[in-house]
Protein backbone atom coordinates (compact mmCIF):
# COMPACT_ATOMS: atom_id res chain seq x y z
CA UNK A 1 124.90 46.03 121.69
CA UNK A 2 127.52 45.66 118.88
CA UNK A 3 129.04 48.30 116.73
CA UNK A 4 131.54 48.07 113.91
CA UNK A 5 134.12 50.81 113.42
CA UNK A 6 136.53 50.52 110.49
CA UNK A 7 137.23 51.61 107.02
CA UNK A 8 135.23 51.05 103.86
CA UNK A 9 137.04 48.14 102.34
CA UNK A 10 135.07 48.46 99.09
CA UNK A 11 136.22 52.19 98.63
CA UNK A 12 139.73 51.28 99.67
CA UNK A 13 139.95 48.62 97.01
CA UNK A 14 138.61 51.08 94.33
CA UNK A 15 141.27 53.53 95.45
CA UNK A 16 143.95 51.02 94.75
CA UNK A 17 142.46 50.59 91.38
CA UNK A 18 142.53 54.24 90.85
CA UNK A 19 146.25 54.30 91.84
CA UNK A 20 147.04 51.60 89.34
CA UNK A 21 145.04 53.53 86.58
CA UNK A 22 146.99 56.65 87.27
CA UNK A 23 150.28 54.81 87.40
CA UNK A 24 149.62 53.18 84.01
CA UNK A 25 148.38 56.46 82.39
CA UNK A 26 151.57 58.28 83.72
CA UNK A 27 154.28 55.56 83.47
CA UNK A 28 153.04 52.98 80.89
CA UNK A 29 156.38 52.82 79.14
CA UNK A 30 158.30 52.33 82.37
CA UNK A 31 155.75 49.84 83.85
CA UNK A 32 155.32 47.69 80.72
CA UNK A 33 158.76 46.14 80.99
CA UNK A 34 158.13 43.42 78.51
CA UNK A 35 156.26 45.60 76.18
CA UNK A 36 153.21 43.31 75.82
CA UNK A 37 150.88 46.08 76.38
CA UNK A 38 149.50 44.68 79.65
CA UNK A 39 150.04 45.09 83.31
CA UNK A 40 151.41 41.79 84.44
CA UNK A 41 150.64 41.74 88.06
CA UNK A 42 150.62 39.87 91.38
CA UNK A 43 147.75 40.10 93.73
CA UNK A 44 148.54 39.44 97.41
CA UNK A 45 145.41 38.96 99.60
CA UNK A 46 144.93 39.06 103.39
CA UNK A 47 143.29 36.31 105.47
CA UNK A 48 141.14 33.99 103.31
CA UNK A 49 137.34 34.55 103.69
CA UNK A 50 138.00 37.72 105.64
CA UNK A 51 135.50 40.50 105.05
CA UNK A 52 138.06 43.19 104.35
CA UNK A 53 140.11 40.77 102.01
CA UNK A 54 137.04 40.01 99.98
CA UNK A 55 135.74 43.64 99.68
CA UNK A 56 139.24 45.18 99.06
CA UNK A 57 140.17 42.51 96.38
CA UNK A 58 136.73 42.53 94.59
CA UNK A 59 136.63 46.22 94.37
CA UNK A 60 140.14 46.47 93.08
CA UNK A 61 139.35 43.95 90.36
CA UNK A 62 135.95 45.57 89.55
CA UNK A 63 137.56 48.99 89.26
CA UNK A 64 140.16 47.95 86.76
CA UNK A 65 138.27 45.46 84.61
CA UNK A 66 137.71 46.90 81.17
CA UNK A 67 139.76 50.02 82.15
CA UNK A 68 143.24 48.54 82.25
CA UNK A 69 144.93 45.73 80.29
CA UNK A 70 145.38 43.32 83.18
CA UNK A 71 147.22 40.07 83.24
CA UNK A 72 147.13 38.26 86.58
CA UNK A 73 150.40 36.23 86.95
CA UNK A 74 149.87 34.86 90.41
CA UNK A 75 147.65 35.30 93.34
CA UNK A 76 148.22 34.16 96.92
CA UNK A 77 147.23 34.97 100.46
CA UNK A 78 149.61 36.01 103.11
CA UNK A 79 147.37 36.53 106.22
CA UNK A 80 148.22 40.15 106.57
CA UNK A 81 151.72 39.12 107.36
CA UNK A 82 155.05 40.50 106.06
CA UNK A 83 157.06 37.34 106.52
CA UNK A 84 154.38 35.18 105.07
CA UNK A 85 154.30 37.37 101.92
CA UNK A 86 158.06 37.12 101.74
CA UNK A 87 157.85 33.31 102.03
CA UNK A 88 155.14 33.01 99.41
CA UNK A 89 157.34 34.97 96.93
CA UNK A 90 159.94 32.31 97.33
CA UNK A 91 157.47 29.65 96.11
CA UNK A 92 156.95 31.55 92.78
CA UNK A 93 159.06 30.59 89.79
CA UNK A 94 161.89 32.86 88.73
CA UNK A 95 160.06 33.48 85.44
CA UNK A 96 156.96 34.82 87.26
CA UNK A 97 158.96 36.81 89.70
CA UNK A 98 160.82 38.52 86.78
CA UNK A 99 157.60 39.31 84.74
CA UNK A 100 155.74 41.00 87.61
CA UNK A 101 155.29 44.70 86.83
CA UNK A 102 152.94 45.59 89.53
CA UNK A 103 151.99 44.07 93.05
CA UNK A 104 148.64 44.83 94.67
CA UNK A 105 148.50 44.00 98.42
CA UNK A 106 145.55 44.06 100.80
CA UNK A 107 147.75 45.75 103.42
CA UNK A 108 151.11 47.42 103.93
CA UNK A 109 152.67 44.52 105.97
CA UNK A 110 152.35 42.16 102.92
CA UNK A 111 153.63 45.01 100.65
CA UNK A 112 156.71 45.30 102.95
CA UNK A 113 157.34 41.47 102.59
CA UNK A 114 157.15 41.68 98.81
CA UNK A 115 159.66 44.69 98.94
CA UNK A 116 161.96 42.83 101.21
CA UNK A 117 162.07 39.80 98.69
CA UNK A 118 162.89 41.97 95.91
CA UNK A 119 165.52 43.96 97.71
CA UNK A 120 167.18 40.88 99.30
CA UNK A 121 167.35 39.22 95.96
CA UNK A 122 168.71 42.06 93.97
CA UNK A 123 165.80 42.22 91.73
CA UNK A 124 164.34 45.47 90.41
CA UNK A 125 161.35 46.41 92.50
CA UNK A 126 158.05 46.56 90.40
CA UNK A 127 155.40 49.02 91.33
CA UNK A 128 154.13 47.93 94.70
CA UNK A 129 150.82 49.24 96.38
CA UNK A 130 149.70 48.48 99.92
CA UNK A 131 146.97 49.56 102.25
CA UNK A 132 147.07 51.16 105.81
CA UNK A 133 149.74 53.79 105.35
CA UNK A 134 151.83 52.53 108.14
CA UNK A 135 154.99 54.54 108.88
CA UNK A 136 157.51 52.33 107.17
CA UNK A 137 155.53 52.11 104.04
CA UNK A 138 154.81 55.98 104.09
CA UNK A 139 158.52 56.56 104.23
CA UNK A 140 159.26 54.06 101.31
CA UNK A 141 156.62 55.79 99.15
CA UNK A 142 158.08 59.20 100.01
CA UNK A 143 161.48 57.93 98.85
CA UNK A 144 159.97 56.53 95.65
CA UNK A 145 160.82 52.90 96.52
CA UNK A 146 156.98 51.79 96.73
CA UNK A 147 154.44 53.44 94.56
CA UNK A 148 151.59 53.99 97.17
CA UNK A 149 149.26 53.02 99.86
CA UNK A 150 145.63 53.76 100.83
CA UNK A 151 145.45 55.59 104.12
CA UNK A 152 142.54 54.14 106.11
CA UNK A 153 142.13 57.27 108.35
CA UNK A 154 142.64 55.41 111.60
CA UNK A 155 142.44 58.61 113.56
CA UNK A 156 138.74 59.05 112.48
CA UNK A 157 138.17 55.35 113.60
CA UNK A 158 139.49 56.15 117.02
CA UNK A 159 137.42 59.34 117.29
CA UNK A 160 134.30 57.29 116.31
CA UNK A 161 135.09 54.70 119.06
CA UNK A 162 135.60 57.42 121.52
CA UNK A 163 132.30 58.98 120.54
CA UNK A 164 130.47 55.66 120.98
CA UNK A 165 131.97 54.95 124.36
CA UNK A 166 131.14 58.39 125.59
CA UNK A 167 127.51 58.03 124.48
CA UNK A 168 127.24 54.75 126.06
CA UNK A 169 128.82 55.88 129.32
CA UNK A 170 126.27 58.72 129.45
CA UNK A 171 123.44 56.37 128.99
CA UNK A 172 122.61 57.78 125.45
CA UNK A 173 121.54 55.60 122.54
CA UNK A 174 124.00 54.86 119.67
CA UNK A 175 121.71 53.97 116.85
CA UNK A 176 124.29 54.01 114.18
CA UNK A 177 125.79 50.40 114.08
CA UNK A 178 128.39 50.76 111.41
CA UNK A 179 131.02 53.60 111.40
CA UNK A 180 133.31 53.94 108.39
CA UNK A 181 136.35 56.32 107.91
CA UNK A 182 137.08 57.69 104.39
CA UNK A 183 140.17 56.23 103.01
CA UNK A 184 142.59 58.43 100.84
CA UNK A 185 145.37 57.64 98.43
CA UNK A 186 149.03 58.37 99.20
CA UNK A 187 151.40 57.92 96.35
CA UNK A 188 154.92 58.91 95.48
CA UNK A 189 153.53 61.49 93.06
CA UNK A 190 151.66 63.44 95.71
């Protein structure tokens, strides 16, 4: 008697890849600060070995390999946590921090931690992408400070949970075990 209601992590990761492809196609000269013809990027992952971390990360990488000239400068996990992302940034060398042109985060809280780091250190903010479309990130994207986020359509997830509970409370069978909402891209260009 177990059901899963959530978002499609693989599709969400692909959407982050699409966001980066669009950004590169539209803003390559601005993004490529060191003019090496590559996207020098940081990957910030959620909880190690977590299903969503793995699916989001793998789908992002798969969607950009062979499509974009990617150069991974650093990769760390921050356990979905804003402060942890900020602290991990402090552990990177100044050279790496200065070379980062894009940051891809498995969720919005970690994207906010990265943004906090750049703001508090007076360093130009690179292109930063998150996932969840929380209110603070949504506002920062609207203001053009962050590049984008993937909205996971949490309202649909709640509706699905209510539908399952209603069916169970009426003694009806709920045969579908996995319920995914459809994520969407939200960027400063929309």
